[in-house]
Amino acid sequence: MTQRFVITSGEPAGIGPDLVLQLAQRDWPMELVVLADQTLLTQRAKILGLNISFKTYHANLPAEPSQKNQITLQHIPTNAPVQAGKLNPDNANYVITMLKMAIQGCLKGEFAAMVTGPVHKGVINESGLPFTGHTELLAEESQTKQVVMMLATPGLRVALVTTHLPLLEVPKAITQTLLTDVLTITHQALTQQFGIENPRILVAGLNPHAGEDGHMGCEEIEVITPVLETLSTQMNLSGPLPADTLFTPNYLKQADAVLAMYHDQGLPVLKHVGFGNAVNITLGLPFVRTSVDHGTALELAGTGKADDRSFCYAIDVASEMTQSSSKEFKN
């Protein structure tokens, strides 16, 4: 059977609409259902010189592979006219509506996976809607107690214990319970959704030099090491390791994933290695969700210079994960 993926087009003033139009420049083995404003896509296609036709999405019809130069569309109107590169808080609710519709479709089994375009957190919050990020909204809407943010590029996967927190709040947020849950979810995803038998996870310390035996912080001694010792009979774990040496070839060649303690401990390395060819994955959800690894790039909207490699990779990874999950379910 042909799988059906839902694609959210992201911030309307950014490159999300451009990328959706670029995705339609090729055939896909699955059906990609795009959530967007048809007028917006038509206008952006004209600016970019692309000839695109639209097919109205009907949930009751069998999924068919997406064909070149055609977009299967679930039309959602913007609240205000869109100008490429110009943020408008009036359209923040349009973005949130898209995301919630996609989530509900996945929860109902209507879609096999959800692939999201870039959003702009600032303009959403400016509109008066509280929004921390995709990861947090996905957890809330799906009523999932704990999710894990992972970024991946060929040869490297980095999961995070904490996500969008100020550095001051990170140490107190990392508890034995949280770390246990994050490691359990990550290990389960690597085995069931990535098809890796006995995955090895490298765990970073929180402090420089992984705390230097307590001289640079006690989180490694009091929180991280006890959890790793408890889980060592169930998982292949190494750590806590100094983050400045963990991301070196000798360590990484033996690892299936790295667990970083906070956002900017792990993601700068991954984005240096694979920016533009990386994917953001939310682990722990009752469905597969992947996303691009970049922002809205307002300055590129409508210029034809947007790079769709990350979006294509996000779709490819979602396909691999859904296929691995299906095999696991059958077994």
C-alpha atoms as a PDB file:
ATOM      1  CA  MET A   1       0.000   0.000   0.000  1.00  0.00           C
ATOM      2  CA  THR A   2       1.102   3.559  -0.723  1.00  0.00           C
ATOM      3  CA  GLN A   3       1.859   5.506   2.442  1.00  0.00           C
ATOM      4  CA  ARG A   4       0.407   8.953   3.060  1.00  0.00           C
ATOM      5  CA  PHE A   5       2.526  11.667   4.700  1.00  0.00           C
ATOM      6  CA  VAL A   6       1.288  15.085   5.818  1.00  0.00           C
ATOM      7  CA  ILE A   7       3.500  18.095   5.058  1.00  0.00           C
ATOM      8  CA  THR A   8       3.104  21.365   6.967  1.00  0.00           C
ATOM      9  CA  SER A   9       4.359  24.320   4.949  1.00  0.00           C
ATOM     10  CA  GLY A  10       5.518  26.379   7.944  1.00  0.00           C
ATOM     11  CA  GLU A  11       5.815  30.144   8.272  1.00  0.00           C
ATOM     12  CA  PRO A  12       4.030  31.592   5.198  1.00  0.00           C
ATOM     13  CA  ALA A  13       6.462  34.504   4.789  1.00  0.00           C
ATOM     14  CA  GLY A  14       9.495  32.219   4.898  1.00  0.00           C
ATOM     15  CA  ILE A  15      10.922  29.584   2.578  1.00  0.00           C
ATOM     16  CA  GLY A  16       8.456  26.882   3.633  1.00  0.00           C
ATOM     17  CA  PRO A  17       6.112  27.521   0.675  1.00  0.00           C
ATOM     18  CA  ASP A  18       9.114  27.649  -1.684  1.00  0.00           C
ATOM     19  CA  LEU A  19      10.335  24.282  -0.422  1.00  0.00           C
ATOM     20  CA  VAL A  20       6.907  22.689  -0.790  1.00  0.00           C
ATOM     21  CA  LEU A  21       6.864  23.836  -4.404  1.00  0.00           C
ATOM     22  CA  GLN A  22      10.358  22.450  -4.930  1.00  0.00           C
ATOM     23  CA  LEU A  23       9.317  19.090  -3.502  1.00  0.00           C
ATOM     24  CA  ALA A  24       6.681  18.973  -6.225  1.00  0.00           C
ATOM     25  CA  GLN A  25       9.379  19.094  -8.901  1.00  0.00           C
ATOM     26  CA  ARG A  26       9.845  15.322  -8.612  1.00  0.00           C
ATOM     27  CA  ASP A  27       7.878  12.105  -8.176  1.00  0.00           C
ATOM     28  CA  TRP A  28       7.543  10.553  -4.719  1.00  0.00           C
ATOM     29  CA  PRO A  29       6.754   6.918  -3.841  1.00  0.00           C
ATOM     30  CA  MET A  30       4.346   8.059  -1.124  1.00  0.00           C
ATOM     31  CA  GLU A  31       1.467  10.543  -1.216  1.00  0.00           C
ATOM     32  CA  LEU A  32       2.505  13.904   0.194  1.00  0.00           C
ATOM     33  CA  VAL A  33      -0.487  15.853   1.478  1.00  0.00           C
ATOM     34  CA  VAL A  34       0.429  19.523   1.849  1.00  0.00           C
ATOM     35  CA  LEU A  35      -1.322  21.779   4.356  1.00  0.00           C
ATOM     36  CA  ALA A  36      -1.169  25.344   3.040  1.00  0.00           C
ATOM     37  CA  ASP A  37      -3.083  28.245   1.540  1.00  0.00           C
ATOM     38  CA  GLN A  38      -3.574  27.582  -2.183  1.00  0.00           C
ATOM     39  CA  THR A  39      -3.480  31.284  -3.044  1.00  0.00           C
ATOM     40  CA  LEU A  40      -0.154  31.622  -1.246  1.00  0.00           C
ATOM     41  CA  LEU A  41       1.351  28.665  -3.121  1.00  0.00           C
ATOM     42  CA  THR A  42      -0.017  29.905  -6.446  1.00  0.00           C
ATOM     43  CA  GLN A  43       1.485  33.351  -5.913  1.00  0.00           C
ATOM     44  CA  ARG A  44       4.837  31.965  -4.784  1.00  0.00           C
ATOM     45  CA  ALA A  45       4.932  29.555  -7.740  1.00  0.00           C
ATOM     46  CA  LYS A  46       4.405  32.490 -10.096  1.00  0.00           C
ATOM     47  CA  ILE A  47       7.267  34.407  -8.455  1.00  0.00           C
ATOM     48  CA  LEU A  48       9.526  31.360  -8.780  1.00  0.00           C
ATOM     49  CA  GLY A  49       8.448  30.596 -12.341  1.00  0.00           C
ATOM     50  CA  LEU A  50       7.105  27.143 -11.474  1.00  0.00           C
ATOM     51  CA  ASN A  51       4.138  25.478 -13.154  1.00  0.00           C
ATOM     52  CA  ILE A  52       2.171  23.593 -10.484  1.00  0.00           C
ATOM     53  CA  SER A  53      -1.288  22.061 -10.501  1.00  0.00           C
ATOM     54  CA  PHE A  54      -3.292  21.291  -7.370  1.00  0.00           C
ATOM     55  CA  LYS A  55      -5.323  18.229  -6.474  1.00  0.00           C
ATOM     56  CA  THR A  56      -7.772  18.586  -3.592  1.00  0.00           C
ATOM     57  CA  TYR A  57      -7.064  16.124  -0.811  1.00  0.00           C
ATOM     58  CA  HIS A  58      -9.781  13.627   0.063  1.00  0.00           C
ATOM     59  CA  ALA A  59      -9.090  11.496   3.126  1.00  0.00           C
ATOM     60  CA  ASN A  60     -11.544   8.788   2.041  1.00  0.00           C
ATOM     61  CA  LEU A  61      -9.704   8.056  -1.231  1.00  0.00           C
ATOM     62  CA  PRO A  62      -6.785   5.582  -1.410  1.00  0.00           C
ATOM     63  CA  ALA A  63      -3.320   7.142  -1.254  1.00  0.00           C
ATOM     64  CA  GLU A  64      -1.504   7.510  -4.559  1.00  0.00           C
ATOM     65  CA  PRO A  65       2.190   8.350  -5.118  1.00  0.00           C
ATOM     66  CA  SER A  66       2.732  12.073  -5.600  1.00  0.00           C
ATOM     67  CA  GLN A  67       3.514  13.020  -9.173  1.00  0.00           C
ATOM     68  CA  LYS A  68       5.838  15.670 -10.507  1.00  0.00           C
ATOM     69  CA  ASN A  69       4.362  19.181 -10.906  1.00  0.00           C
ATOM     70  CA  GLN A  70       1.275  18.347  -8.840  1.00  0.00           C
ATOM     71  CA  ILE A  71       0.496  19.066  -5.177  1.00  0.00           C
ATOM     72  CA  THR A  72      -2.151  17.213  -3.219  1.00  0.00           C
ATOM     73  CA  LEU A  73      -3.463  20.037  -1.066  1.00  0.00           C
ATOM     74  CA  GLN A  74      -5.526  20.496   2.062  1.00  0.00           C
ATOM     75  CA  HIS A  75      -6.338  24.172   1.736  1.00  0.00           C
ATOM     76  CA  ILE A  76      -6.063  26.251   4.897  1.00  0.00           C
ATOM     77  CA  PRO A  77      -6.570  29.997   4.386  1.00  0.00           C
ATOM     78  CA  THR A  78      -4.130  32.479   5.868  1.00  0.00           C
ATOM     79  CA  ASN A  79      -5.588  35.152   8.121  1.00  0.00           C
ATOM     80  CA  ALA A  80      -3.902  37.980   6.218  1.00  0.00           C
ATOM     81  CA  PRO A  81      -2.199  38.471   2.831  1.00  0.00           C
ATOM     82  CA  VAL A  82       1.370  37.165   2.716  1.00  0.00           C
ATOM     83  CA  GLN A  83       4.434  39.023   1.497  1.00  0.00           C
ATOM     84  CA  ALA A  84       7.562  36.943   1.051  1.00  0.00           C
ATOM     85  CA  GLY A  85      10.136  37.840   3.691  1.00  0.00           C
ATOM     86  CA  LYS A  86       7.761  39.963   5.816  1.00  0.00           C
ATOM     87  CA  LEU A  87       6.509  38.425   9.049  1.00  0.00           C
ATOM     88  CA  ASN A  88       2.924  39.136  10.069  1.00  0.00           C
ATOM     89  CA  PRO A  89       1.672  38.140  13.542  1.00  0.00           C
ATOM     90  CA  ASP A  90      -1.852  37.936  12.114  1.00  0.00           C
ATOM     91  CA  ASN A  91      -0.838  34.686  10.397  1.00  0.00           C
ATOM     92  CA  ALA A  92       0.505  32.992  13.518  1.00  0.00           C
ATOM     93  CA  ASN A  93      -2.767  31.170  14.124  1.00  0.00           C
ATOM     94  CA  TYR A  94      -2.596  29.823  10.549  1.00  0.00           C
ATOM     95  CA  VAL A  95       0.707  28.119  11.402  1.00  0.00           C
ATOM     96  CA  ILE A  96      -0.627  26.624  14.640  1.00  0.00           C
ATOM     97  CA  THR A  97      -3.807  25.448  12.897  1.00  0.00           C
ATOM     98  CA  MET A  98      -1.728  23.581  10.315  1.00  0.00           C
ATOM     99  CA  LEU A  99       0.316  21.850  12.977  1.00  0.00           C
ATOM    100  CA  LYS A 100      -2.659  20.818  15.080  1.00  0.00           C
ATOM    101  CA  MET A 101      -4.501  19.500  12.024  1.00  0.00           C
ATOM    102  CA  ALA A 102      -1.484  17.423  11.014  1.00  0.00           C
ATOM    103  CA  ILE A 103      -1.073  16.034  14.534  1.00  0.00           C
ATOM    104  CA  GLN A 104      -4.719  15.017  14.764  1.00  0.00           C
ATOM    105  CA  GLY A 105      -4.499  13.349  11.351  1.00  0.00           C
ATOM    106  CA  CYS A 106      -1.529  11.297  12.502  1.00  0.00           C
ATOM    107  CA  LEU A 107      -3.235  10.338  15.755  1.00  0.00           C
ATOM    108  CA  LYS A 108      -6.256   9.090  13.802  1.00  0.00           C
ATOM    109  CA  GLY A 109      -4.046   7.004  11.531  1.00  0.00           C
ATOM    110  CA  GLU A 110      -4.909   9.130   8.519  1.00  0.00           C
ATOM    111  CA  PHE A 111      -1.209   9.830   7.906  1.00  0.00           C
ATOM    112  CA  ALA A 112       1.753   7.496   8.371  1.00  0.00           C
ATOM    113  CA  ALA A 113       4.102  10.373   9.206  1.00  0.00           C
ATOM    114  CA  MET A 114       4.277  14.113   9.689  1.00  0.00           C
ATOM    115  CA  VAL A 115       7.023  16.206   8.058  1.00  0.00           C
ATOM    116  CA  THR A 116       7.171  19.850   9.084  1.00  0.00           C
ATOM    117  CA  GLY A 117       8.506  22.952   7.411  1.00  0.00           C
ATOM    118  CA  PRO A 118      10.229  25.722   9.397  1.00  0.00           C
ATOM    119  CA  VAL A 119       8.266  28.024  11.707  1.00  0.00           C
ATOM    120  CA  HIS A 120       9.189  31.320  13.346  1.00  0.00           C
ATOM    121  CA  LYS A 121       8.791  31.095  17.136  1.00  0.00           C
ATOM    122  CA  GLY A 122       9.193  34.836  17.646  1.00  0.00           C
ATOM    123  CA  VAL A 123       6.283  35.985  15.494  1.00  0.00           C
ATOM    124  CA  ILE A 124       3.997  33.312  16.982  1.00  0.00           C
ATOM    125  CA  ASN A 125       4.748  34.537  20.496  1.00  0.00           C
ATOM    126  CA  GLU A 126       4.430  38.146  19.349  1.00  0.00           C
ATOM    127  CA  SER A 127       0.870  37.348  18.263  1.00  0.00           C
ATOM    128  CA  GLY A 128       0.021  36.378  21.831  1.00  0.00           C
ATOM    129  CA  LEU A 129       0.082  32.618  21.262  1.00  0.00           C
ATOM    130  CA  PRO A 130       2.475  30.807  23.633  1.00  0.00           C
ATOM    131  CA  PHE A 131       4.820  28.630  21.588  1.00  0.00           C
ATOM    132  CA  THR A 132       8.131  27.104  22.667  1.00  0.00           C
ATOM    133  CA  GLY A 133       8.676  24.964  19.588  1.00  0.00           C
ATOM    134  CA  HIS A 134       7.460  22.054  17.486  1.00  0.00           C
ATOM    135  CA  THR A 135       8.696  19.462  19.970  1.00  0.00           C
ATOM    136  CA  GLU A 136       6.743  20.848  22.897  1.00  0.00           C
ATOM    137  CA  LEU A 137       3.541  21.370  20.891  1.00  0.00           C
ATOM    138  CA  LEU A 138       3.693  17.826  19.529  1.00  0.00           C
ATOM    139  CA  ALA A 139       3.972  16.437  23.057  1.00  0.00           C
ATOM    140  CA  GLU A 140       1.105  18.571  24.332  1.00  0.00           C
ATOM    141  CA  GLU A 141      -1.300  17.886  21.468  1.00  0.00           C
ATOM    142  CA  SER A 142      -0.611  14.143  21.425  1.00  0.00           C
ATOM    143  CA  GLN A 143      -0.757  13.981  25.240  1.00  0.00           C
ATOM    144  CA  THR A 144       2.677  12.378  25.280  1.00  0.00           C
ATOM    145  CA  LYS A 145       4.313  12.696  28.699  1.00  0.00           C
ATOM    146  CA  GLN A 146       7.893  12.717  27.435  1.00  0.00           C
ATOM    147  CA  VAL A 147       9.363  13.184  23.961  1.00  0.00           C
ATOM    148  CA  VAL A 148      12.964  13.428  22.812  1.00  0.00           C
ATOM    149  CA  MET A 149      14.385  15.820  20.243  1.00  0.00           C
ATOM    150  CA  MET A 150      16.946  14.230  17.935  1.00  0.00           C
ATOM    151  CA  LEU A 151      18.805  15.659  14.963  1.00  0.00           C
ATOM    152  CA  ALA A 152      20.404  13.323  12.469  1.00  0.00           C
ATOM    153  CA  THR A 153      22.629  13.547   9.431  1.00  0.00           C
ATOM    154  CA  PRO A 154      24.332  10.653   7.621  1.00  0.00           C
ATOM    155  CA  GLY A 155      26.845   9.247  10.103  1.00  0.00           C
ATOM    156  CA  LEU A 156      25.676  11.116  13.214  1.00  0.00           C
ATOM    157  CA  ARG A 157      22.581  11.196  15.435  1.00  0.00           C
ATOM    158  CA  VAL A 158      22.320  13.563  18.408  1.00  0.00           C
ATOM    159  CA  ALA A 159      19.474  13.378  20.935  1.00  0.00           C
ATOM    160  CA  LEU A 160      18.871  15.954  23.675  1.00  0.00           C
ATOM    161  CA  VAL A 161      17.971  15.617  27.337  1.00  0.00           C
ATOM    162  CA  THR A 162      16.716  19.229  27.497  1.00  0.00           C
ATOM    163  CA  THR A 163      15.622  21.324  24.539  1.00  0.00           C
ATOM    164  CA  HIS A 164      14.665  24.997  24.493  1.00  0.00           C
ATOM    165  CA  LEU A 165      15.764  26.117  27.950  1.00  0.00           C
ATOM    166  CA  PRO A 166      17.973  29.006  29.088  1.00  0.00           C
ATOM    167  CA  LEU A 167      21.364  27.658  30.195  1.00  0.00           C
ATOM    168  CA  LEU A 168      20.675  28.769  33.760  1.00  0.00           C
ATOM    169  CA  GLU A 169      17.748  26.346  33.977  1.00  0.00           C
ATOM    170  CA  VAL A 170      19.463  23.310  32.450  1.00  0.00           C
ATOM    171  CA  PRO A 171      21.217  21.793  35.519  1.00  0.00           C
ATOM    172  CA  LYS A 172      18.102  21.719  37.699  1.00  0.00           C
ATOM    173  CA  ALA A 173      16.030  20.317  34.822  1.00  0.00           C
ATOM    174  CA  ILE A 174      18.262  17.254  34.446  1.00  0.00           C
ATOM    175  CA  THR A 175      16.967  14.735  36.958  1.00  0.00           C
ATOM    176  CA  GLN A 176      17.484  10.993  37.220  1.00  0.00           C
ATOM    177  CA  THR A 177      13.870  10.459  36.193  1.00  0.00           C
ATOM    178  CA  LEU A 178      14.158  12.656  33.102  1.00  0.00           C
ATOM    179  CA  LEU A 179      17.455  11.117  32.037  1.00  0.00           C
ATOM    180  CA  THR A 180      16.063   7.612  32.482  1.00  0.00           C
ATOM    181  CA  ASP A 181      13.012   8.436  30.373  1.00  0.00           C
ATOM    182  CA  VAL A 182      15.069  10.101  27.626  1.00  0.00           C
ATOM    183  CA  LEU A 183      17.510   7.192  27.383  1.00  0.00           C
ATOM    184  CA  THR A 184      14.671   4.659  27.336  1.00  0.00           C
ATOM    185  CA  ILE A 185      12.835   6.500  24.554  1.00  0.00           C
ATOM    186  CA  THR A 186      16.031   6.979  22.527  1.00  0.00           C
ATOM    187  CA  HIS A 187      17.047   3.337  22.845  1.00  0.00           C
ATOM    188  CA  GLN A 188      13.566   2.163  21.900  1.00  0.00           C
ATOM    189  CA  ALA A 189      13.469   4.421  18.840  1.00  0.00           C
ATOM    190  CA  LEU A 190      16.889   3.282  17.644  1.00  0.00           C
ATOM    191  CA  THR A 191      15.848  -0.363  17.842  1.00  0.00           C
ATOM    192  CA  GLN A 192      12.266  -0.126  16.613  1.00  0.00           C
ATOM    193  CA  GLN A 193      12.257   2.848  14.221  1.00  0.00           C
ATOM    194  CA  PHE A 194      15.833   2.732  12.943  1.00  0.00           C
ATOM    195  CA  GLY A 195      16.209  -1.047  12.989  1.00  0.00           C
ATOM    196  CA  ILE A 196      19.483  -1.039  14.995  1.00  0.00           C
ATOM    197  CA  GLU A 197      20.102  -4.103  17.127  1.00  0.00           C
ATOM    198  CA  ASN A 198      21.740  -3.290  20.481  1.00  0.00           C
ATOM    199  CA  PRO A 199      22.471   0.381  19.664  1.00  0.00           C
ATOM    200  CA  ARG A 200      25.414   2.048  21.406  1.00  0.00           C
ATOM    201  CA  ILE A 201      24.660   5.466  22.898  1.00  0.00           C
ATOM    202  CA  LEU A 202      27.407   7.866  23.984  1.00  0.00           C
ATOM    203  CA  VAL A 203      26.248  10.077  26.868  1.00  0.00           C
ATOM    204  CA  ALA A 204      27.827  13.508  27.344  1.00  0.00           C
ATOM    205  CA  GLY A 205      28.537  14.997  30.727  1.00  0.00           C
ATOM    206  CA  LEU A 206      26.974  18.300  31.649  1.00  0.00           C
ATOM    207  CA  ASN A 207      30.064  20.121  32.871  1.00  0.00           C
ATOM    208  CA  PRO A 208      33.477  20.726  31.269  1.00  0.00           C
ATOM    209  CA  HIS A 209      35.591  17.550  31.414  1.00  0.00           C
ATOM    210  CA  ALA A 210      32.441  15.718  32.589  1.00  0.00           C
ATOM    211  CA  GLY A 211      32.772  17.403  35.970  1.00  0.00           C
ATOM    212  CA  GLU A 212      36.437  16.539  36.637  1.00  0.00           C
ATOM    213  CA  ASP A 213      35.486  14.121  39.464  1.00  0.00           C
ATOM    214  CA  GLY A 214      33.302  16.751  41.111  1.00  0.00           C
ATOM    215  CA  HIS A 215      35.741  19.651  40.888  1.00  0.00           C
ATOM    216  CA  MET A 216      33.737  21.290  38.073  1.00  0.00           C
ATOM    217  CA  GLY A 217      30.254  20.250  39.127  1.00  0.00           C
ATOM    218  CA  CYS A 218      28.563  17.275  40.742  1.00  0.00           C
ATOM    219  CA  GLU A 219      25.762  16.515  38.241  1.00  0.00           C
ATOM    220  CA  GLU A 220      27.784  13.696  36.695  1.00  0.00           C
ATOM    221  CA  ILE A 221      28.308  12.030  40.097  1.00  0.00           C
ATOM    222  CA  GLU A 222      24.863  12.677  41.554  1.00  0.00           C
ATOM    223  CA  VAL A 223      22.608  12.304  38.496  1.00  0.00           C
ATOM    224  CA  ILE A 224      24.159  10.993  35.286  1.00  0.00           C
ATOM    225  CA  THR A 225      26.417   8.148  36.443  1.00  0.00           C
ATOM    226  CA  PRO A 226      23.796   6.498  38.712  1.00  0.00           C
ATOM    227  CA  VAL A 227      21.310   6.399  35.824  1.00  0.00           C
ATOM    228  CA  LEU A 228      23.871   4.909  33.422  1.00  0.00           C
ATOM    229  CA  GLU A 229      24.809   2.259  35.969  1.00  0.00           C
ATOM    230  CA  THR A 230      21.158   1.336  36.534  1.00  0.00           C
ATOM    231  CA  LEU A 231      20.396   1.078  32.800  1.00  0.00           C
ATOM    232  CA  SER A 232      23.646  -0.632  31.818  1.00  0.00           C
ATOM    233  CA  THR A 233      22.077  -4.090  32.044  1.00  0.00           C
ATOM    234  CA  GLN A 234      19.412  -3.076  29.504  1.00  0.00           C
ATOM    235  CA  MET A 235      21.307  -0.773  27.129  1.00  0.00           C
ATOM    236  CA  ASN A 236      24.750  -0.303  25.610  1.00  0.00           C
ATOM    237  CA  LEU A 237      25.742   3.028  27.174  1.00  0.00           C
ATOM    238  CA  SER A 238      29.059   4.881  27.497  1.00  0.00           C
ATOM    239  CA  GLY A 239      29.577   7.935  29.681  1.00  0.00           C
ATOM    240  CA  PRO A 240      29.414  10.446  31.043  1.00  0.00           C
ATOM    241  CA  LEU A 241      32.000  11.610  28.516  1.00  0.00           C
ATOM    242  CA  PRO A 242      33.518  15.092  28.120  1.00  0.00           C
ATOM    243  CA  ALA A 243      31.600  16.769  25.304  1.00  0.00           C
ATOM    244  CA  ASP A 244      34.741  18.341  23.847  1.00  0.00           C
ATOM    245  CA  THR A 245      36.267  14.920  23.089  1.00  0.00           C
ATOM    246  CA  LEU A 246      33.101  12.863  22.610  1.00  0.00           C
ATOM    247  CA  PHE A 247      32.554  14.299  19.123  1.00  0.00           C
ATOM    248  CA  THR A 248      35.802  12.940  17.720  1.00  0.00           C
ATOM    249  CA  PRO A 249      36.118  10.216  15.065  1.00  0.00           C
ATOM    250  CA  ASN A 250      37.423   7.505  17.414  1.00  0.00           C
ATOM    251  CA  TYR A 251      34.359   7.802  19.623  1.00  0.00           C
ATOM    252  CA  LEU A 252      31.761   8.427  16.921  1.00  0.00           C
ATOM    253  CA  LYS A 253      32.775   5.510  14.698  1.00  0.00           C
ATOM    254  CA  GLN A 254      31.598   3.170  17.468  1.00  0.00           C
ATOM    255  CA  ALA A 255      28.349   5.018  18.241  1.00  0.00           C
ATOM    256  CA  ASP A 256      24.810   4.836  16.923  1.00  0.00           C
ATOM    257  CA  ALA A 257      23.760   8.016  18.731  1.00  0.00           C
ATOM    258  CA  VAL A 258      25.023  10.701  21.083  1.00  0.00           C
ATOM    259  CA  LEU A 259      22.957  12.006  23.983  1.00  0.00           C
ATOM    260  CA  ALA A 260      23.725  15.655  24.756  1.00  0.00           C
ATOM    261  CA  MET A 261      22.550  17.334  27.943  1.00  0.00           C
ATOM    262  CA  TYR A 262      21.355  20.567  26.324  1.00  0.00           C
ATOM    263  CA  HIS A 263      20.565  22.122  22.951  1.00  0.00           C
ATOM    264  CA  ASP A 264      23.796  23.939  22.160  1.00  0.00           C
ATOM    265  CA  GLN A 265      26.043  21.205  23.512  1.00  0.00           C
ATOM    266  CA  GLY A 266      25.220  18.781  20.707  1.00  0.00           C
ATOM    267  CA  LEU A 267      23.523  20.561  17.847  1.00  0.00           C
ATOM    268  CA  PRO A 268      26.328  22.935  16.747  1.00  0.00           C
ATOM    269  CA  VAL A 269      28.501  19.895  16.038  1.00  0.00           C
ATOM    270  CA  LEU A 270      25.792  18.110  14.099  1.00  0.00           C
ATOM    271  CA  LYS A 271      24.905  21.184  12.067  1.00  0.00           C
ATOM    272  CA  HIS A 272      28.566  21.795  11.292  1.00  0.00           C
ATOM    273  CA  VAL A 273      28.792  18.252   9.949  1.00  0.00           C
ATOM    274  CA  GLY A 274      25.519  18.127   8.056  1.00  0.00           C
ATOM    275  CA  PHE A 275      23.750  21.476   7.787  1.00  0.00           C
ATOM    276  CA  GLY A 276      21.371  21.398   4.856  1.00  0.00           C
ATOM    277  CA  ASN A 277      21.410  17.610   4.871  1.00  0.00           C
ATOM    278  CA  ALA A 278      20.105  16.922   8.355  1.00  0.00           C
ATOM    279  CA  VAL A 279      16.732  16.198   9.881  1.00  0.00           C
ATOM    280  CA  ASN A 280      14.985  16.978  13.169  1.00  0.00           C
ATOM    281  CA  ILE A 281      13.150  13.957  14.630  1.00  0.00           C
ATOM    282  CA  THR A 282      10.752  13.811  17.560  1.00  0.00           C
ATOM    283  CA  LEU A 283      11.102  10.489  19.368  1.00  0.00           C
ATOM    284  CA  GLY A 284       8.516   9.037  21.734  1.00  0.00           C
ATOM    285  CA  LEU A 285       5.400  10.140  19.852  1.00  0.00           C
ATOM    286  CA  PRO A 286       2.723   7.639  18.805  1.00  0.00           C
ATOM    287  CA  PHE A 287       3.594   8.508  15.188  1.00  0.00           C
ATOM    288  CA  VAL A 288       6.653   9.439  13.123  1.00  0.00           C
ATOM    289  CA  ARG A 289       7.558  13.117  12.908  1.00  0.00           C
ATOM    290  CA  THR A 290      10.542  14.613  11.106  1.00  0.00           C
ATOM    291  CA  SER A 291      11.420  18.168  10.143  1.00  0.00           C
ATOM    292  CA  VAL A 292      13.972  20.321   8.371  1.00  0.00           C
ATOM    293  CA  ASP A 293      17.097  21.291  10.319  1.00  0.00           C
ATOM    294  CA  HIS A 294      16.928  25.018   9.492  1.00  0.00           C
ATOM    295  CA  GLY A 295      14.843  28.111  10.049  1.00  0.00           C
ATOM    296  CA  THR A 296      12.512  30.203   7.945  1.00  0.00           C
ATOM    297  CA  ALA A 297      15.299  32.041   6.022  1.00  0.00           C
ATOM    298  CA  LEU A 298      13.079  35.060   5.366  1.00  0.00           C
ATOM    299  CA  GLU A 299      15.751  36.690   3.208  1.00  0.00           C
ATOM    300  CA  LEU A 300      15.561  33.772   0.745  1.00  0.00           C
ATOM    301  CA  ALA A 301      11.773  33.550   0.469  1.00  0.00           C
ATOM    302  CA  GLY A 302      10.644  34.030  -3.096  1.00  0.00           C
ATOM    303  CA  THR A 303      14.212  34.238  -4.479  1.00  0.00           C
ATOM    304  CA  GLY A 304      14.522  30.702  -5.818  1.00  0.00           C
ATOM    305  CA  LYS A 305      17.645  30.168  -3.683  1.00  0.00           C
ATOM    306  CA  ALA A 306      16.107  27.983  -0.986  1.00  0.00           C
ATOM    307  CA  ASP A 307      17.753  24.568  -0.623  1.00  0.00           C
ATOM    308  CA  ASP A 308      15.307  21.668  -0.311  1.00  0.00           C
ATOM    309  CA  ARG A 309      17.863  18.969   0.589  1.00  0.00           C
ATOM    310  CA  SER A 310      16.926  18.939   4.278  1.00  0.00           C
ATOM    311  CA  PHE A 311      13.211  18.685   3.460  1.00  0.00           C
ATOM    312  CA  CYS A 312      13.863  15.806   1.051  1.00  0.00           C
ATOM    313  CA  TYR A 313      16.026  14.094   3.654  1.00  0.00           C
ATOM    314  CA  ALA A 314      13.292  14.563   6.276  1.00  0.00           C
ATOM    315  CA  ILE A 315      10.838  12.755   3.988  1.00  0.00           C
ATOM    316  CA  ASP A 316      13.342   9.972   3.268  1.00  0.00           C
ATOM    317  CA  VAL A 317      14.054   9.453   6.991  1.00  0.00           C
ATOM    318  CA  ALA A 318      10.331   9.425   7.786  1.00  0.00           C
ATOM    319  CA  SER A 319       9.886   6.742   5.141  1.00  0.00           C
ATOM    320  CA  GLU A 320      12.709   4.638   6.604  1.00  0.00           C
ATOM    321  CA  MET A 321      11.298   4.993  10.110  1.00  0.00           C
ATOM    322  CA  THR A 322       7.752   4.040   9.142  1.00  0.00           C
ATOM    323  CA  GLN A 323       9.018   1.012   7.252  1.00  0.00           C
ATOM    324  CA  SER A 324      11.167  -0.112  10.200  1.00  0.00           C
ATOM    325  CA  SER A 325       8.220   0.421  12.554  1.00  0.00           C
ATOM    326  CA  SER A 326       6.014  -1.717  10.297  1.00  0.00           C
ATOM    327  CA  LYS A 327       8.571  -4.527  10.305  1.00  0.00           C
ATOM    328  CA  GLU A 328       8.858  -4.326  14.098  1.00  0.00           C
ATOM    329  CA  PHE A 329       5.080  -4.459  14.427  1.00  0.00           C
ATOM    330  CA  LYS A 330       4.860  -7.507  12.128  1.00  0.00           C
ATOM    331  CA  ASN A 331       7.596  -9.293  14.043  1.00  0.00           C
END
